[in-house]
């Protein structure tokens, strides 16, 4: 484990201190938890952005399925004539 020093503004320090007491957890624990959640959220955003760019490239290259085809497929779900997923 490494040691990192940070300076907290009062607008962060005071609520952090109060939350630490309320939850009976150390400020260190809460800060680490917040950083883990922030990193996970940023990684998810990067994944979503990458997926979006990939989807846009796919559309530009003509690999798309119309909304009507998707709707028809969804409407068939659970019925006796359920359709296979549409393919571009």
N, C-alpha and C. Protein backbone atom coordinates (compact mmCIF):
# COMPACT_ATOMS: atom_id res chain seq x y z
N UNK A 1 0.85 -1.16 0.00
CA UNK A 1 0.00 0.00 0.00
C UNK A 1 0.90 1.23 0.00
N UNK A 2 0.50 2.25 -0.77
CA UNK A 2 1.30 3.46 -0.82
C UNK A 2 0.62 4.57 -0.03
N UNK A 3 1.38 5.60 0.23
CA UNK A 3 0.88 6.74 0.98
C UNK A 3 0.81 7.94 0.06
N UNK A 4 -0.36 8.57 0.01
CA UNK A 4 -0.55 9.78 -0.80
C UNK A 4 -1.15 10.84 0.10
N UNK A 5 -0.61 12.01 0.01
CA UNK A 5 -1.11 13.11 0.83
C UNK A 5 -2.00 14.01 -0.02
N UNK A 6 -3.13 14.43 0.55
CA UNK A 6 -4.01 15.36 -0.16
C UNK A 6 -4.44 16.47 0.79
N UNK A 7 -4.80 17.59 0.21
CA UNK A 7 -5.35 18.69 0.98
C UNK A 7 -6.84 18.77 0.67
N UNK A 8 -7.66 18.81 1.69
CA UNK A 8 -9.09 18.90 1.50
C UNK A 8 -9.59 20.28 1.89
N UNK A 9 -10.44 20.84 1.05
CA UNK A 9 -11.10 22.09 1.40
C UNK A 9 -12.08 21.81 2.52
N UNK A 10 -12.42 22.85 3.29
CA UNK A 10 -13.38 22.69 4.37
C UNK A 10 -14.72 22.17 3.87
N UNK A 11 -15.09 22.55 2.65
CA UNK A 11 -16.37 22.10 2.10
C UNK A 11 -16.39 20.60 1.86
N UNK A 12 -15.23 19.97 1.82
CA UNK A 12 -15.13 18.52 1.70
C UNK A 12 -14.78 17.90 3.05
N UNK A 13 -13.85 18.50 3.75
CA UNK A 13 -13.34 17.96 5.01
C UNK A 13 -14.44 17.83 6.07
N UNK A 14 -15.23 18.86 6.24
CA UNK A 14 -16.25 18.84 7.30
C UNK A 14 -17.31 17.77 7.05
N UNK A 15 -17.92 17.70 5.84
CA UNK A 15 -18.87 16.62 5.61
C UNK A 15 -18.22 15.24 5.68
N UNK A 16 -16.98 15.12 5.24
CA UNK A 16 -16.26 13.85 5.31
C UNK A 16 -16.10 13.42 6.77
N UNK A 17 -15.71 14.35 7.60
CA UNK A 17 -15.54 14.08 9.03
C UNK A 17 -16.87 13.64 9.65
N UNK A 18 -17.93 14.34 9.31
CA UNK A 18 -19.26 14.00 9.85
C UNK A 18 -19.70 12.62 9.38
N UNK A 19 -19.49 12.33 8.11
CA UNK A 19 -19.87 11.03 7.55
C UNK A 19 -19.04 9.91 8.18
N UNK A 20 -17.78 10.18 8.41
CA UNK A 20 -16.89 9.22 9.04
C UNK A 20 -17.41 8.83 10.42
N UNK A 21 -17.83 9.81 11.18
CA UNK A 21 -18.37 9.54 12.52
C UNK A 21 -19.70 8.82 12.44
N UNK A 22 -20.55 9.27 11.53
CA UNK A 22 -21.88 8.68 11.40
C UNK A 22 -21.81 7.20 11.01
N UNK A 23 -20.91 6.87 10.07
CA UNK A 23 -20.79 5.50 9.58
C UNK A 23 -19.81 4.66 10.39
N UNK A 24 -19.15 5.30 11.33
CA UNK A 24 -18.12 4.64 12.14
C UNK A 24 -17.06 3.99 11.24
N UNK A 25 -16.64 4.77 10.26
CA UNK A 25 -15.58 4.37 9.33
C UNK A 25 -14.52 5.46 9.31
N UNK A 26 -13.31 5.09 9.01
CA UNK A 26 -12.24 6.09 8.94
C UNK A 26 -12.40 6.94 7.68
N UNK A 27 -11.85 8.14 7.76
CA UNK A 27 -11.85 9.00 6.56
C UNK A 27 -11.06 8.32 5.45
N UNK A 28 -9.99 7.64 5.81
CA UNK A 28 -9.19 6.91 4.83
C UNK A 28 -10.06 5.90 4.08
N UNK A 29 -10.88 5.14 4.80
CA UNK A 29 -11.76 4.16 4.17
C UNK A 29 -12.72 4.84 3.20
N UNK A 30 -13.35 5.92 3.64
CA UNK A 30 -14.32 6.62 2.80
C UNK A 30 -13.67 7.22 1.56
N UNK A 31 -12.49 7.78 1.71
CA UNK A 31 -11.78 8.36 0.57
C UNK A 31 -11.41 7.26 -0.43
N UNK A 32 -10.90 6.14 0.07
CA UNK A 32 -10.55 5.03 -0.83
C UNK A 32 -11.78 4.51 -1.56
N UNK A 33 -12.90 4.39 -0.85
CA UNK A 33 -14.13 3.92 -1.46
C UNK A 33 -14.59 4.89 -2.56
N UNK A 34 -14.53 6.18 -2.27
CA UNK A 34 -14.95 7.19 -3.25
C UNK A 34 -14.05 7.15 -4.49
N UNK A 35 -12.77 6.97 -4.29
CA UNK A 35 -11.84 6.90 -5.42
C UNK A 35 -12.09 5.64 -6.25
N UNK A 36 -12.32 4.51 -5.58
CA UNK A 36 -12.63 3.27 -6.31
C UNK A 36 -13.88 3.45 -7.17
N UNK A 37 -14.92 4.05 -6.60
CA UNK A 37 -16.16 4.26 -7.35
C UNK A 37 -15.95 5.23 -8.50
N UNK A 38 -15.16 6.27 -8.30
CA UNK A 38 -14.87 7.24 -9.35
C UNK A 38 -14.14 6.56 -10.51
N UNK A 39 -13.13 5.75 -10.19
CA UNK A 39 -12.36 5.05 -11.22
C UNK A 39 -13.26 4.08 -11.98
N UNK A 40 -14.09 3.34 -11.28
CA UNK A 40 -15.01 2.39 -11.94
C UNK A 40 -15.97 3.13 -12.86
N UNK A 41 -16.47 4.28 -12.42
CA UNK A 41 -17.38 5.07 -13.25
C UNK A 41 -16.67 5.58 -14.50
N UNK A 42 -15.45 6.06 -14.35
CA UNK A 42 -14.69 6.55 -15.50
C UNK A 42 -14.37 5.42 -16.47
N UNK A 43 -14.04 4.25 -15.97
CA UNK A 43 -13.78 3.11 -16.84
C UNK A 43 -15.04 2.73 -17.62
N UNK A 44 -16.19 2.78 -16.96
CA UNK A 44 -17.46 2.48 -17.62
C UNK A 44 -17.75 3.52 -18.70
N UNK A 45 -17.49 4.78 -18.41
CA UNK A 45 -17.70 5.84 -19.40
C UNK A 45 -16.81 5.62 -20.62
N UNK A 46 -15.55 5.23 -20.39
CA UNK A 46 -14.63 4.96 -21.49
C UNK A 46 -15.12 3.79 -22.34
N UNK A 47 -15.62 2.75 -21.67
CA UNK A 47 -16.15 1.59 -22.40
C UNK A 47 -17.35 1.98 -23.23
N UNK A 48 -18.26 2.75 -22.64
CA UNK A 48 -19.45 3.19 -23.37
C UNK A 48 -19.07 4.06 -24.56
N UNK A 49 -18.10 4.94 -24.38
CA UNK A 49 -17.66 5.81 -25.48
C UNK A 49 -17.04 4.97 -26.59
N UNK A 50 -16.23 4.00 -26.22
CA UNK A 50 -15.61 3.12 -27.21
C UNK A 50 -16.68 2.33 -27.97
N UNK A 51 -17.67 1.82 -27.25
CA UNK A 51 -18.77 1.09 -27.88
C UNK A 51 -19.56 2.00 -28.82
N UNK A 52 -19.74 3.26 -28.43
CA UNK A 52 -20.46 4.22 -29.27
C UNK A 52 -19.70 4.48 -30.56
N UNK A 53 -18.39 4.68 -30.45
CA UNK A 53 -17.58 4.91 -31.65
C UNK A 53 -17.60 3.70 -32.57
N UNK A 54 -17.54 2.51 -31.98
CA UNK A 54 -17.60 1.28 -32.77
C UNK A 54 -18.94 1.17 -33.49
N UNK A 55 -20.03 1.50 -32.79
CA UNK A 55 -21.36 1.45 -33.40
C UNK A 55 -21.48 2.46 -34.53
N UNK A 56 -20.93 3.65 -34.33
CA UNK A 56 -20.98 4.67 -35.39
C UNK A 56 -20.20 4.22 -36.62
N UNK A 57 -19.05 3.62 -36.41
CA UNK A 57 -18.26 3.08 -37.52
C UNK A 57 -19.04 2.00 -38.26
N UNK A 58 -19.73 1.17 -37.50
CA UNK A 58 -20.52 0.10 -38.09
C UNK A 58 -21.63 0.68 -38.96
N UNK A 59 -22.29 1.71 -38.48
CA UNK A 59 -23.36 2.35 -39.25
C UNK A 59 -22.80 3.00 -40.51
N UNK A 60 -21.67 3.67 -40.37
CA UNK A 60 -21.05 4.32 -41.53
C UNK A 60 -20.67 3.31 -42.60
N UNK A 61 -20.33 2.10 -42.19
CA UNK A 61 -19.94 1.09 -43.17
C UNK A 61 -21.14 0.29 -43.68
N UNK A 62 -22.34 0.71 -43.30
CA UNK A 62 -23.55 0.09 -43.81
C UNK A 62 -24.03 -1.12 -43.05
N UNK A 63 -23.43 -1.39 -41.93
CA UNK A 63 -23.86 -2.54 -41.12
C UNK A 63 -24.87 -2.06 -40.09
N UNK A 64 -26.13 -2.01 -40.50
CA UNK A 64 -27.18 -1.53 -39.60
C UNK A 64 -28.46 -2.34 -39.82
N UNK A 65 -29.29 -2.35 -38.82
CA UNK A 65 -30.59 -3.01 -38.88
C UNK A 65 -31.62 -1.92 -38.67
N UNK A 66 -32.67 -1.93 -39.46
CA UNK A 66 -33.70 -0.89 -39.34
C UNK A 66 -34.50 -1.07 -38.06
N UNK A 67 -35.04 0.01 -37.59
CA UNK A 67 -35.88 -0.03 -36.41
C UNK A 67 -37.10 -0.90 -36.63
N UNK A 68 -37.60 -0.90 -37.84
CA UNK A 68 -38.77 -1.72 -38.17
C UNK A 68 -38.45 -3.22 -38.03
N UNK A 69 -37.26 -3.60 -38.48
CA UNK A 69 -36.85 -5.01 -38.35
C UNK A 69 -36.72 -5.40 -36.88
N UNK A 70 -36.14 -4.52 -36.09
CA UNK A 70 -35.97 -4.78 -34.66
C UNK A 70 -37.33 -4.89 -33.99
N UNK A 71 -38.21 -3.94 -34.29
CA UNK A 71 -39.55 -3.94 -33.70
C UNK A 71 -40.31 -5.23 -34.05
N UNK A 72 -40.23 -5.66 -35.29
CA UNK A 72 -40.89 -6.89 -35.72
C UNK A 72 -40.33 -8.09 -34.95
N UNK A 73 -39.02 -8.12 -34.78
CA UNK A 73 -38.38 -9.20 -34.04
C UNK A 73 -38.84 -9.20 -32.58
N UNK A 74 -38.85 -8.01 -31.95
CA UNK A 74 -39.26 -7.92 -30.54
C UNK A 74 -40.71 -8.33 -30.36
N UNK A 75 -41.56 -7.96 -31.29
CA UNK A 75 -42.98 -8.31 -31.19
C UNK A 75 -43.20 -9.82 -31.29
N UNK A 76 -42.25 -10.52 -31.91
CA UNK A 76 -42.41 -11.97 -32.07
C UNK A 76 -41.98 -12.75 -30.84
N UNK A 77 -41.32 -12.09 -29.89
CA UNK A 77 -40.81 -12.78 -28.71
C UNK A 77 -41.93 -13.49 -27.96
N UNK A 78 -41.68 -14.72 -27.58
CA UNK A 78 -42.60 -15.48 -26.75
C UNK A 78 -43.76 -16.09 -27.51
N UNK A 79 -43.86 -15.79 -28.80
CA UNK A 79 -44.94 -16.34 -29.60
C UNK A 79 -44.52 -17.63 -30.28
N UNK A 80 -45.47 -18.30 -30.88
CA UNK A 80 -45.14 -19.56 -31.54
C UNK A 80 -44.26 -19.37 -32.78
N UNK A 81 -44.28 -18.19 -33.37
CA UNK A 81 -43.48 -17.91 -34.57
C UNK A 81 -42.36 -16.92 -34.26
N UNK A 82 -41.68 -17.14 -33.13
CA UNK A 82 -40.61 -16.22 -32.73
C UNK A 82 -39.53 -16.18 -33.79
N UNK A 83 -39.16 -14.97 -34.16
CA UNK A 83 -38.17 -14.77 -35.24
C UNK A 83 -36.75 -14.77 -34.67
N UNK A 84 -35.81 -15.07 -35.54
CA UNK A 84 -34.40 -14.95 -35.20
C UNK A 84 -34.02 -13.47 -35.19
N UNK A 85 -33.00 -13.10 -34.42
CA UNK A 85 -32.60 -11.69 -34.41
C UNK A 85 -32.22 -11.22 -35.81
N UNK A 86 -32.57 -9.99 -36.14
CA UNK A 86 -32.20 -9.47 -37.46
C UNK A 86 -30.69 -9.29 -37.58
N UNK A 87 -30.19 -9.45 -38.79
CA UNK A 87 -28.75 -9.31 -39.03
C UNK A 87 -28.53 -8.20 -40.05
N UNK A 88 -27.45 -7.46 -39.86
CA UNK A 88 -27.15 -6.38 -40.85
C UNK A 88 -26.72 -6.94 -42.18
